[in-house]
């Protein structure tokens, strides 16, 4: 589970109904020179649980290739998308900003305010 304190920075991108969606960014060693990074579209439940909707990162899958984790998809659908034209942290953030409403609405339609089961 991600906590707000895990982010270098975060900000609200918008609301759908009463749900506030935010983008948070983590980078190591820093956002100025990231060797590894994750940019996450999420919302937070009243108990503090962070529900991830989509994430752009360069984690150790497929030799560190930048990819999108699409937690908004239906259960059983592949969530990892390696076929993206994103070249770094800033492009990943711009990608989530551009598509947040579509991803957020699809998550609410498929899973409500719960996490994706698997």
C-alpha atoms as a PDB file:
ATOM      1  CA  UNK A   1       0.000   0.000   0.000  1.00  0.00           C
ATOM      2  CA  UNK A   2       1.293   3.429  -0.895  1.00  0.00           C
ATOM      3  CA  UNK A   3       1.091   6.220   1.663  1.00  0.00           C
ATOM      4  CA  UNK A   4       1.013   9.922   0.866  1.00  0.00           C
ATOM      5  CA  UNK A   5       4.360  10.281   2.655  1.00  0.00           C
ATOM      6  CA  UNK A   6       5.902   7.952   0.025  1.00  0.00           C
ATOM      7  CA  UNK A   7       5.565  10.654  -2.646  1.00  0.00           C
ATOM      8  CA  UNK A   8       8.074  13.359  -3.539  1.00  0.00           C
ATOM      9  CA  UNK A   9       5.021  15.462  -4.390  1.00  0.00           C
ATOM     10  CA  UNK A  10       1.333  14.998  -5.127  1.00  0.00           C
ATOM     11  CA  UNK A  11      -1.555  17.115  -6.323  1.00  0.00           C
ATOM     12  CA  UNK A  12      -5.260  16.889  -7.081  1.00  0.00           C
ATOM     13  CA  UNK A  13      -6.113  16.431 -10.764  1.00  0.00           C
ATOM     14  CA  UNK A  14      -9.887  16.485 -10.374  1.00  0.00           C
ATOM     15  CA  UNK A  15     -13.056  14.990  -8.958  1.00  0.00           C
ATOM     16  CA  UNK A  16     -15.641  12.575 -10.218  1.00  0.00           C
ATOM     17  CA  UNK A  17     -18.760  12.618  -8.097  1.00  0.00           C
ATOM     18  CA  UNK A  18     -17.353  12.920  -4.567  1.00  0.00           C
ATOM     19  CA  UNK A  19     -14.092  11.103  -5.301  1.00  0.00           C
ATOM     20  CA  UNK A  20     -10.926  13.227  -5.374  1.00  0.00           C
ATOM     21  CA  UNK A  21      -8.249  11.922  -7.742  1.00  0.00           C
ATOM     22  CA  UNK A  22      -4.605  12.790  -7.264  1.00  0.00           C
ATOM     23  CA  UNK A  23      -1.296  12.185  -8.978  1.00  0.00           C
ATOM     24  CA  UNK A  24       1.714  11.377  -6.824  1.00  0.00           C
ATOM     25  CA  UNK A  25       5.324  10.978  -7.914  1.00  0.00           C
ATOM     26  CA  UNK A  26       8.171   8.944  -6.416  1.00  0.00           C
ATOM     27  CA  UNK A  27      11.713   8.965  -7.760  1.00  0.00           C
ATOM     28  CA  UNK A  28      15.070   7.597  -6.721  1.00  0.00           C
ATOM     29  CA  UNK A  29      17.453   9.248  -6.123  1.00  0.00           C
ATOM     30  CA  UNK A  30      15.435  12.403  -7.012  1.00  0.00           C
ATOM     31  CA  UNK A  31      12.885  13.792  -9.463  1.00  0.00           C
ATOM     32  CA  UNK A  32      15.670  15.833 -11.062  1.00  0.00           C
ATOM     33  CA  UNK A  33      17.750  12.733 -11.907  1.00  0.00           C
ATOM     34  CA  UNK A  34      15.482   9.711 -11.589  1.00  0.00           C
ATOM     35  CA  UNK A  35      17.022   6.288 -12.034  1.00  0.00           C
ATOM     36  CA  UNK A  36      13.754   4.699 -11.009  1.00  0.00           C
ATOM     37  CA  UNK A  37      10.360   6.343 -10.775  1.00  0.00           C
ATOM     38  CA  UNK A  38       6.635   5.833 -10.418  1.00  0.00           C
ATOM     39  CA  UNK A  39       3.859   8.291 -11.206  1.00  0.00           C
ATOM     40  CA  UNK A  40       0.546   7.136  -9.737  1.00  0.00           C
ATOM     41  CA  UNK A  41      -3.067   8.176 -10.317  1.00  0.00           C
ATOM     42  CA  UNK A  42      -4.992   7.343  -7.156  1.00  0.00           C
ATOM     43  CA  UNK A  43      -7.735   8.259  -4.726  1.00  0.00           C
ATOM     44  CA  UNK A  44      -7.834   7.908  -0.981  1.00  0.00           C
ATOM     45  CA  UNK A  45     -10.581   6.300   1.092  1.00  0.00           C
ATOM     46  CA  UNK A  46     -11.809   7.863   4.336  1.00  0.00           C
ATOM     47  CA  UNK A  47      -9.704   5.377   6.352  1.00  0.00           C
ATOM     48  CA  UNK A  48      -6.524   6.523   4.566  1.00  0.00           C
ATOM     49  CA  UNK A  49      -6.298   3.563   2.199  1.00  0.00           C
ATOM     50  CA  UNK A  50      -4.783   4.603  -1.128  1.00  0.00           C
ATOM     51  CA  UNK A  51      -6.485   3.015  -4.142  1.00  0.00           C
ATOM     52  CA  UNK A  52      -4.221   3.058  -7.182  1.00  0.00           C
ATOM     53  CA  UNK A  53      -5.997   3.549 -10.513  1.00  0.00           C
ATOM     54  CA  UNK A  54      -3.029   3.646 -12.914  1.00  0.00           C
ATOM     55  CA  UNK A  55       0.742   3.870 -12.602  1.00  0.00           C
ATOM     56  CA  UNK A  56       3.554   4.724 -15.009  1.00  0.00           C
ATOM     57  CA  UNK A  57       6.883   3.344 -13.831  1.00  0.00           C
ATOM     58  CA  UNK A  58      10.151   1.741 -14.821  1.00  0.00           C
ATOM     59  CA  UNK A  59      10.176  -1.044 -12.236  1.00  0.00           C
ATOM     60  CA  UNK A  60      12.172  -4.209 -12.764  1.00  0.00           C
ATOM     61  CA  UNK A  61       9.692  -5.885 -15.126  1.00  0.00           C
ATOM     62  CA  UNK A  62      10.982  -6.366 -18.647  1.00  0.00           C
ATOM     63  CA  UNK A  63      14.457  -4.963 -17.830  1.00  0.00           C
ATOM     64  CA  UNK A  64      13.233  -1.639 -16.475  1.00  0.00           C
ATOM     65  CA  UNK A  65      11.145  -0.715 -19.515  1.00  0.00           C
ATOM     66  CA  UNK A  66       8.710   2.115 -18.853  1.00  0.00           C
ATOM     67  CA  UNK A  67       5.194   0.735 -18.745  1.00  0.00           C
ATOM     68  CA  UNK A  68       1.677   1.496 -17.487  1.00  0.00           C
ATOM     69  CA  UNK A  69      -0.055  -0.561 -14.800  1.00  0.00           C
ATOM     70  CA  UNK A  70      -3.779  -0.250 -15.502  1.00  0.00           C
ATOM     71  CA  UNK A  71      -5.573  -1.155 -12.263  1.00  0.00           C
ATOM     72  CA  UNK A  72      -8.827   0.229 -13.642  1.00  0.00           C
ATOM     73  CA  UNK A  73      -9.250  -2.697 -16.042  1.00  0.00           C
ATOM     74  CA  UNK A  74     -11.697  -5.533 -15.393  1.00  0.00           C
ATOM     75  CA  UNK A  75     -10.516  -8.398 -13.204  1.00  0.00           C
ATOM     76  CA  UNK A  76      -8.836 -10.971 -15.434  1.00  0.00           C
ATOM     77  CA  UNK A  77      -7.624  -8.398 -17.988  1.00  0.00           C
ATOM     78  CA  UNK A  78      -3.888  -7.839 -18.372  1.00  0.00           C
ATOM     79  CA  UNK A  79      -2.919  -4.777 -16.371  1.00  0.00           C
ATOM     80  CA  UNK A  80       0.647  -4.287 -17.645  1.00  0.00           C
ATOM     81  CA  UNK A  81       1.079  -2.335 -20.878  1.00  0.00           C
ATOM     82  CA  UNK A  82       4.653  -2.223 -22.203  1.00  0.00           C
ATOM     83  CA  UNK A  83       3.599  -0.806 -25.564  1.00  0.00           C
ATOM     84  CA  UNK A  84       3.643   2.883 -24.567  1.00  0.00           C
ATOM     85  CA  UNK A  85       5.499   5.837 -26.019  1.00  0.00           C
ATOM     86  CA  UNK A  86       6.697   7.376 -22.752  1.00  0.00           C
ATOM     87  CA  UNK A  87      10.341   8.322 -22.317  1.00  0.00           C
ATOM     88  CA  UNK A  88      10.590   9.286 -18.663  1.00  0.00           C
ATOM     89  CA  UNK A  89       9.045  10.564 -15.470  1.00  0.00           C
ATOM     90  CA  UNK A  90       7.764  13.874 -16.884  1.00  0.00           C
ATOM     91  CA  UNK A  91       6.161  12.238 -19.921  1.00  0.00           C
ATOM     92  CA  UNK A  92       4.602   9.644 -17.600  1.00  0.00           C
ATOM     93  CA  UNK A  93       3.105  12.397 -15.472  1.00  0.00           C
ATOM     94  CA  UNK A  94       1.779  14.214 -18.549  1.00  0.00           C
ATOM     95  CA  UNK A  95       0.274  10.925 -19.806  1.00  0.00           C
ATOM     96  CA  UNK A  96      -1.670  10.405 -16.564  1.00  0.00           C
ATOM     97  CA  UNK A  97      -2.786  14.052 -16.497  1.00  0.00           C
ATOM     98  CA  UNK A  98      -4.079  13.728 -20.054  1.00  0.00           C
ATOM     99  CA  UNK A  99      -5.988  10.457 -19.450  1.00  0.00           C
ATOM    100  CA  UNK A 100      -6.946  10.653 -15.771  1.00  0.00           C
ATOM    101  CA  UNK A 101     -10.691  11.144 -16.337  1.00  0.00           C
ATOM    102  CA  UNK A 102     -11.001   8.112 -18.610  1.00  0.00           C
ATOM    103  CA  UNK A 103      -8.959   5.918 -16.246  1.00  0.00           C
ATOM    104  CA  UNK A 104     -10.771   7.177 -13.135  1.00  0.00           C
ATOM    105  CA  UNK A 105     -14.255   6.742 -14.598  1.00  0.00           C
ATOM    106  CA  UNK A 106     -13.417   3.245 -15.831  1.00  0.00           C
ATOM    107  CA  UNK A 107     -12.125   2.311 -12.369  1.00  0.00           C
ATOM    108  CA  UNK A 108     -15.311   3.567 -10.719  1.00  0.00           C
ATOM    109  CA  UNK A 109     -17.439   1.712 -13.294  1.00  0.00           C
ATOM    110  CA  UNK A 110     -15.493  -1.560 -12.905  1.00  0.00           C
ATOM    111  CA  UNK A 111     -14.565  -1.576  -9.219  1.00  0.00           C
ATOM    112  CA  UNK A 112     -16.393   1.275  -7.501  1.00  0.00           C
ATOM    113  CA  UNK A 113     -14.297   2.750  -4.707  1.00  0.00           C
ATOM    114  CA  UNK A 114     -12.610  -0.592  -3.975  1.00  0.00           C
ATOM    115  CA  UNK A 115      -9.247  -1.916  -5.048  1.00  0.00           C
ATOM    116  CA  UNK A 116      -9.028  -4.259  -8.015  1.00  0.00           C
ATOM    117  CA  UNK A 117      -9.380  -7.801  -6.655  1.00  0.00           C
ATOM    118  CA  UNK A 118      -6.636  -9.386  -8.800  1.00  0.00           C
END
